[in-house]
Amino acid sequence: MDYVSALVPPVVMAALFTALIVTIVKSQGGPNKAKEDAIVDATIARAEATRQGGGEN
């Protein structure tokens, strides 16, 4: 029975890691992708405008 108790933690961690990767892959794209891309684009544009505005003074 010692071998079972030695194998359970790695098997559980492997299963949780696999579930995490599957969740990450499934959440990429989809209907929220355009909204997420728009938020990132707006943040980048705001950062560039701030940087350009600060450099002129």
PDB file of N, CA and C in Angstrom:
ATOM      1  N   MET A   1       0.811  -1.207   0.000  1.00  0.00           N
ATOM      2  CA  MET A   1       0.000   0.000   0.000  1.00  0.00           C
ATOM      3  C   MET A   1       0.848   1.262   0.000  1.00  0.00           C
ATOM      4  N   ASP A   2       2.119   1.152   0.370  1.00  0.00           N
ATOM      5  CA  ASP A   2       2.979   2.335   0.368  1.00  0.00           C
ATOM      6  C   ASP A   2       3.135   2.900  -1.038  1.00  0.00           C
ATOM      7  N   TYR A   3       3.171   2.016  -2.031  1.00  0.00           N
ATOM      8  CA  TYR A   3       3.323   2.513  -3.401  1.00  0.00           C
ATOM      9  C   TYR A   3       2.097   3.308  -3.841  1.00  0.00           C
ATOM     10  N   VAL A   4       0.923   2.957  -3.354  1.00  0.00           N
ATOM     11  CA  VAL A   4      -0.291   3.706  -3.704  1.00  0.00           C
ATOM     12  C   VAL A   4      -0.227   5.104  -3.104  1.00  0.00           C
ATOM     13  N   SER A   5       0.148   5.196  -1.842  1.00  0.00           N
ATOM     14  CA  SER A   5       0.229   6.517  -1.201  1.00  0.00           C
ATOM     15  C   SER A   5       1.356   7.351  -1.799  1.00  0.00           C
ATOM     16  N   ALA A   6       2.375   6.720  -2.365  1.00  0.00           N
ATOM     17  CA  ALA A   6       3.463   7.456  -3.014  1.00  0.00           C
ATOM     18  C   ALA A   6       3.048   7.951  -4.396  1.00  0.00           C
ATOM     19  N   LEU A   7       2.141   7.251  -5.059  1.00  0.00           N
ATOM     20  CA  LEU A   7       1.737   7.625  -6.415  1.00  0.00           C
ATOM     21  C   LEU A   7       0.556   8.596  -6.460  1.00  0.00           C
ATOM     22  N   VAL A   8      -0.241   8.661  -5.412  1.00  0.00           N
ATOM     23  CA  VAL A   8      -1.448   9.492  -5.436  1.00  0.00           C
ATOM     24  C   VAL A   8      -1.127  10.980  -5.629  1.00  0.00           C
ATOM     25  N   PRO A   9      -0.217  11.588  -4.855  1.00  0.00           N
ATOM     26  CA  PRO A   9       0.035  13.027  -5.047  1.00  0.00           C
ATOM     27  C   PRO A   9       0.497  13.396  -6.470  1.00  0.00           C
ATOM     28  N   PRO A  10       1.452  12.681  -7.088  1.00  0.00           N
ATOM     29  CA  PRO A  10       1.832  13.046  -8.451  1.00  0.00           C
ATOM     30  C   PRO A  10       0.697  12.867  -9.462  1.00  0.00           C
ATOM     31  N   VAL A  11      -0.117  11.846  -9.280  1.00  0.00           N
ATOM     32  CA  VAL A  11      -1.235  11.619 -10.197  1.00  0.00           C
ATOM     33  C   VAL A  11      -2.270  12.734 -10.052  1.00  0.00           C
ATOM     34  N   VAL A  12      -2.551  13.133  -8.827  1.00  0.00           N
ATOM     35  CA  VAL A  12      -3.509  14.218  -8.592  1.00  0.00           C
ATOM     36  C   VAL A  12      -2.969  15.520  -9.180  1.00  0.00           C
ATOM     37  N   MET A  13      -1.695  15.809  -8.963  1.00  0.00           N
ATOM     38  CA  MET A  13      -1.106  17.031  -9.508  1.00  0.00           C
ATOM     39  C   MET A  13      -1.116  17.009 -11.037  1.00  0.00           C
ATOM     40  N   ALA A  14      -0.838  15.867 -11.634  1.00  0.00           N
ATOM     41  CA  ALA A  14      -0.859  15.755 -13.090  1.00  0.00           C
ATOM     42  C   ALA A  14      -2.269  15.992 -13.627  1.00  0.00           C
ATOM     43  N   ALA A  15      -3.265  15.454 -12.951  1.00  0.00           N
ATOM     44  CA  ALA A  15      -4.652  15.642 -13.388  1.00  0.00           C
ATOM     45  C   ALA A  15      -5.059  17.105 -13.270  1.00  0.00           C
ATOM     46  N   LEU A  16      -4.696  17.760 -12.167  1.00  0.00           N
ATOM     47  CA  LEU A  16      -5.029  19.174 -11.994  1.00  0.00           C
ATOM     48  C   LEU A  16      -4.295  20.047 -13.016  1.00  0.00           C
ATOM     49  N   PHE A  17      -3.044  19.736 -13.285  1.00  0.00           N
ATOM     50  CA  PHE A  17      -2.284  20.492 -14.279  1.00  0.00           C
ATOM     51  C   PHE A  17      -2.904  20.329 -15.662  1.00  0.00           C
ATOM     52  N   THR A  18      -3.304  19.126 -15.998  1.00  0.00           N
ATOM     53  CA  THR A  18      -3.949  18.883 -17.289  1.00  0.00           C
ATOM     54  C   THR A  18      -5.258  19.658 -17.392  1.00  0.00           C
ATOM     55  N   ALA A  19      -6.038  19.663 -16.314  1.00  0.00           N
ATOM     56  CA  ALA A  19      -7.293  20.416 -16.315  1.00  0.00           C
ATOM     57  C   ALA A  19      -7.023  21.917 -16.470  1.00  0.00           C
ATOM     58  N   LEU A  20      -5.978  22.414 -15.832  1.00  0.00           N
ATOM     59  CA  LEU A  20      -5.619  23.826 -15.962  1.00  0.00           C
ATOM     60  C   LEU A  20      -5.252  24.172 -17.404  1.00  0.00           C
ATOM     61  N   ILE A  21      -4.438  23.345 -18.035  1.00  0.00           N
ATOM     62  CA  ILE A  21      -4.031  23.593 -19.423  1.00  0.00           C
ATOM     63  C   ILE A  21      -5.240  23.540 -20.349  1.00  0.00           C
ATOM     64  N   VAL A  22      -6.120  22.573 -20.148  1.00  0.00           N
ATOM     65  CA  VAL A  22      -7.320  22.458 -20.987  1.00  0.00           C
ATOM     66  C   VAL A  22      -8.189  23.708 -20.824  1.00  0.00           C
ATOM     67  N   THR A  23      -8.335  24.188 -19.593  1.00  0.00           N
ATOM     68  CA  THR A  23      -9.135  25.394 -19.344  1.00  0.00           C
ATOM     69  C   THR A  23      -8.515  26.607 -20.023  1.00  0.00           C
ATOM     70  N   ILE A  24      -7.202  26.746 -19.940  1.00  0.00           N
ATOM     71  CA  ILE A  24      -6.520  27.874 -20.578  1.00  0.00           C
ATOM     72  C   ILE A  24      -6.705  27.822 -22.090  1.00  0.00           C
ATOM     73  N   VAL A  25      -6.531  26.655 -22.668  1.00  0.00           N
ATOM     74  CA  VAL A  25      -6.655  26.522 -24.123  1.00  0.00           C
ATOM     75  C   VAL A  25      -8.086  26.805 -24.569  1.00  0.00           C
ATOM     76  N   LYS A  26      -9.061  26.312 -23.826  1.00  0.00           N
ATOM     77  CA  LYS A  26     -10.463  26.529 -24.204  1.00  0.00           C
ATOM     78  C   LYS A  26     -10.880  27.986 -24.056  1.00  0.00           C
ATOM     79  N   SER A  27     -10.262  28.710 -23.133  1.00  0.00           N
ATOM     80  CA  SER A  27     -10.659  30.101 -22.907  1.00  0.00           C
ATOM     81  C   SER A  27     -10.016  31.053 -23.909  1.00  0.00           C
ATOM     82  N   GLN A  28      -9.100  30.583 -24.721  1.00  0.00           N
ATOM     83  CA  GLN A  28      -8.482  31.423 -25.743  1.00  0.00           C
ATOM     84  C   GLN A  28      -9.448  31.569 -26.905  1.00  0.00           C
ATOM     85  N   GLY A  29      -9.567  32.790 -27.392  1.00  0.00           N
ATOM     86  CA  GLY A  29     -10.474  33.017 -28.518  1.00  0.00           C
ATOM     87  C   GLY A  29     -11.910  33.027 -28.061  1.00  0.00           C
ATOM     88  N   GLY A  30     -12.792  32.606 -28.914  1.00  0.00           N
ATOM     89  CA  GLY A  30     -14.199  32.557 -28.568  1.00  0.00           C
ATOM     90  C   GLY A  30     -14.855  33.922 -28.651  1.00  0.00           C
ATOM     91  N   PRO A  31     -16.042  34.037 -28.102  1.00  0.00           N
ATOM     92  CA  PRO A  31     -16.799  35.287 -28.225  1.00  0.00           C
ATOM     93  C   PRO A  31     -16.181  36.465 -27.485  1.00  0.00           C
ATOM     94  N   ASN A  32     -15.364  36.200 -26.460  1.00  0.00           N
ATOM     95  CA  ASN A  32     -14.771  37.298 -25.698  1.00  0.00           C
ATOM     96  C   ASN A  32     -13.455  37.789 -26.282  1.00  0.00           C
ATOM     97  N   LYS A  33     -12.952  37.123 -27.323  1.00  0.00           N
ATOM     98  CA  LYS A  33     -11.646  37.491 -27.878  1.00  0.00           C
ATOM     99  C   LYS A  33     -11.641  38.926 -28.390  1.00  0.00           C
ATOM    100  N   ALA A  34     -12.663  39.346 -29.099  1.00  0.00           N
ATOM    101  CA  ALA A  34     -12.710  40.708 -29.644  1.00  0.00           C
ATOM    102  C   ALA A  34     -12.734  41.732 -28.519  1.00  0.00           C
ATOM    103  N   LYS A  35     -13.484  41.450 -27.480  1.00  0.00           N
ATOM    104  CA  LYS A  35     -13.561  42.384 -26.350  1.00  0.00           C
ATOM    105  C   LYS A  35     -12.210  42.478 -25.641  1.00  0.00           C
ATOM    106  N   GLU A  36     -11.548  41.331 -25.434  1.00  0.00           N
ATOM    107  CA  GLU A  36     -10.245  41.332 -24.781  1.00  0.00           C
ATOM    108  C   GLU A  36      -9.219  42.055 -25.641  1.00  0.00           C
ATOM    109  N   ASP A  37      -9.243  41.817 -26.954  1.00  0.00           N
ATOM    110  CA  ASP A  37      -8.306  42.495 -27.848  1.00  0.00           C
ATOM    111  C   ASP A  37      -8.542  44.003 -27.845  1.00  0.00           C
ATOM    112  N   ALA A  38      -9.789  44.423 -27.786  1.00  0.00           N
ATOM    113  CA  ALA A  38     -10.095  45.852 -27.768  1.00  0.00           C
ATOM    114  C   ALA A  38      -9.572  46.499 -26.488  1.00  0.00           C
ATOM    115  N   ILE A  39      -9.685  45.809 -25.372  1.00  0.00           N
ATOM    116  CA  ILE A  39      -9.174  46.350 -24.108  1.00  0.00           C
ATOM    117  C   ILE A  39      -7.660  46.490 -24.170  1.00  0.00           C
ATOM    118  N   VAL A  40      -6.985  45.491 -24.699  1.00  0.00           N
ATOM    119  CA  VAL A  40      -5.528  45.547 -24.813  1.00  0.00           C
ATOM    120  C   VAL A  40      -5.113  46.658 -25.766  1.00  0.00           C
ATOM    121  N   ASP A  41      -5.785  46.770 -26.902  1.00  0.00           N
ATOM    122  CA  ASP A  41      -5.460  47.825 -27.862  1.00  0.00           C
ATOM    123  C   ASP A  41      -5.663  49.215 -27.255  1.00  0.00           C
ATOM    124  N   ALA A  42      -6.732  49.403 -26.503  1.00  0.00           N
ATOM    125  CA  ALA A  42      -6.988  50.699 -25.872  1.00  0.00           C
ATOM    126  C   ALA A  42      -5.930  51.015 -24.831  1.00  0.00           C
ATOM    127  N   THR A  43      -5.493  50.023 -24.087  1.00  0.00           N
ATOM    128  CA  THR A  43      -4.458  50.234 -23.073  1.00  0.00           C
ATOM    129  C   THR A  43      -3.134  50.604 -23.728  1.00  0.00           C
ATOM    130  N   ILE A  44      -2.788  49.925 -24.811  1.00  0.00           N
ATOM    131  CA  ILE A  44      -1.546  50.235 -25.522  1.00  0.00           C
ATOM    132  C   ILE A  44      -1.614  51.633 -26.119  1.00  0.00           C
ATOM    133  N   ALA A  45      -2.747  51.985 -26.717  1.00  0.00           N
ATOM    134  CA  ALA A  45      -2.894  53.319 -27.309  1.00  0.00           C
ATOM    135  C   ALA A  45      -2.788  54.395 -26.235  1.00  0.00           C
ATOM    136  N   ARG A  46      -3.383  54.155 -25.075  1.00  0.00           N
ATOM    137  CA  ARG A  46      -3.316  55.128 -23.982  1.00  0.00           C
ATOM    138  C   ARG A  46      -1.874  55.280 -23.495  1.00  0.00           C
ATOM    139  N   ALA A  47      -1.149  54.176 -23.385  1.00  0.00           N
ATOM    140  CA  ALA A  47       0.249  54.233 -22.939  1.00  0.00           C
ATOM    141  C   ALA A  47       1.112  54.975 -23.951  1.00  0.00           C
ATOM    142  N   GLU A  48       0.887  54.738 -25.237  1.00  0.00           N
ATOM    143  CA  GLU A  48       1.665  55.435 -26.261  1.00  0.00           C
ATOM    144  C   GLU A  48       1.347  56.925 -26.280  1.00  0.00           C
ATOM    145  N   ALA A  49       0.080  57.278 -26.102  1.00  0.00           N
ATOM    146  CA  ALA A  49      -0.306  58.690 -26.083  1.00  0.00           C
ATOM    147  C   ALA A  49       0.314  59.398 -24.882  1.00  0.00           C
ATOM    148  N   THR A  50       0.337  58.735 -23.763  1.00  0.00           N
ATOM    149  CA  THR A  50       0.955  59.310 -22.559  1.00  0.00           C
ATOM    150  C   THR A  50       2.441  59.494 -22.753  1.00  0.00           C
ATOM    151  N   ARG A  51       3.079  58.506 -23.347  1.00  0.00           N
ATOM    152  CA  ARG A  51       4.531  58.571 -23.567  1.00  0.00           C
ATOM    153  C   ARG A  51       4.845  59.696 -24.565  1.00  0.00           C
ATOM    154  N   GLN A  52       4.081  59.822 -25.632  1.00  0.00           N
ATOM    155  CA  GLN A  52       4.337  60.852 -26.637  1.00  0.00           C
ATOM    156  C   GLN A  52       4.015  62.233 -26.077  1.00  0.00           C
ATOM    157  N   GLY A  53       2.959  62.333 -25.303  1.00  0.00           N
ATOM    158  CA  GLY A  53       2.577  63.607 -24.704  1.00  0.00           C
ATOM    159  C   GLY A  53       3.602  64.078 -23.685  1.00  0.00           C
ATOM    160  N   GLY A  54       4.185  63.186 -22.940  1.00  0.00           N
ATOM    161  CA  GLY A  54       5.189  63.542 -21.947  1.00  0.00           C
ATOM    162  C   GLY A  54       6.527  63.910 -22.565  1.00  0.00           C
ATOM    163  N   GLY A  55       6.825  63.381 -23.722  1.00  0.00           N
ATOM    164  CA  GLY A  55       8.100  63.671 -24.375  1.00  0.00           C
ATOM    165  C   GLY A  55       8.160  65.037 -25.011  1.00  0.00           C
ATOM    166  N   GLU A  56       7.012  65.671 -25.314  1.00  0.00           N
ATOM    167  CA  GLU A  56       6.986  66.963 -25.980  1.00  0.00           C
ATOM    168  C   GLU A  56       7.261  68.100 -25.007  1.00  0.00           C
ATOM    169  N   ASN A  57       7.008  67.903 -23.724  1.00  0.00           N
ATOM    170  CA  ASN A  57       7.182  68.985 -22.748  1.00  0.00           C
ATOM    171  C   ASN A  57       8.597  69.194 -22.391  1.00  0.00           C
TER     172      ASN A  57
END
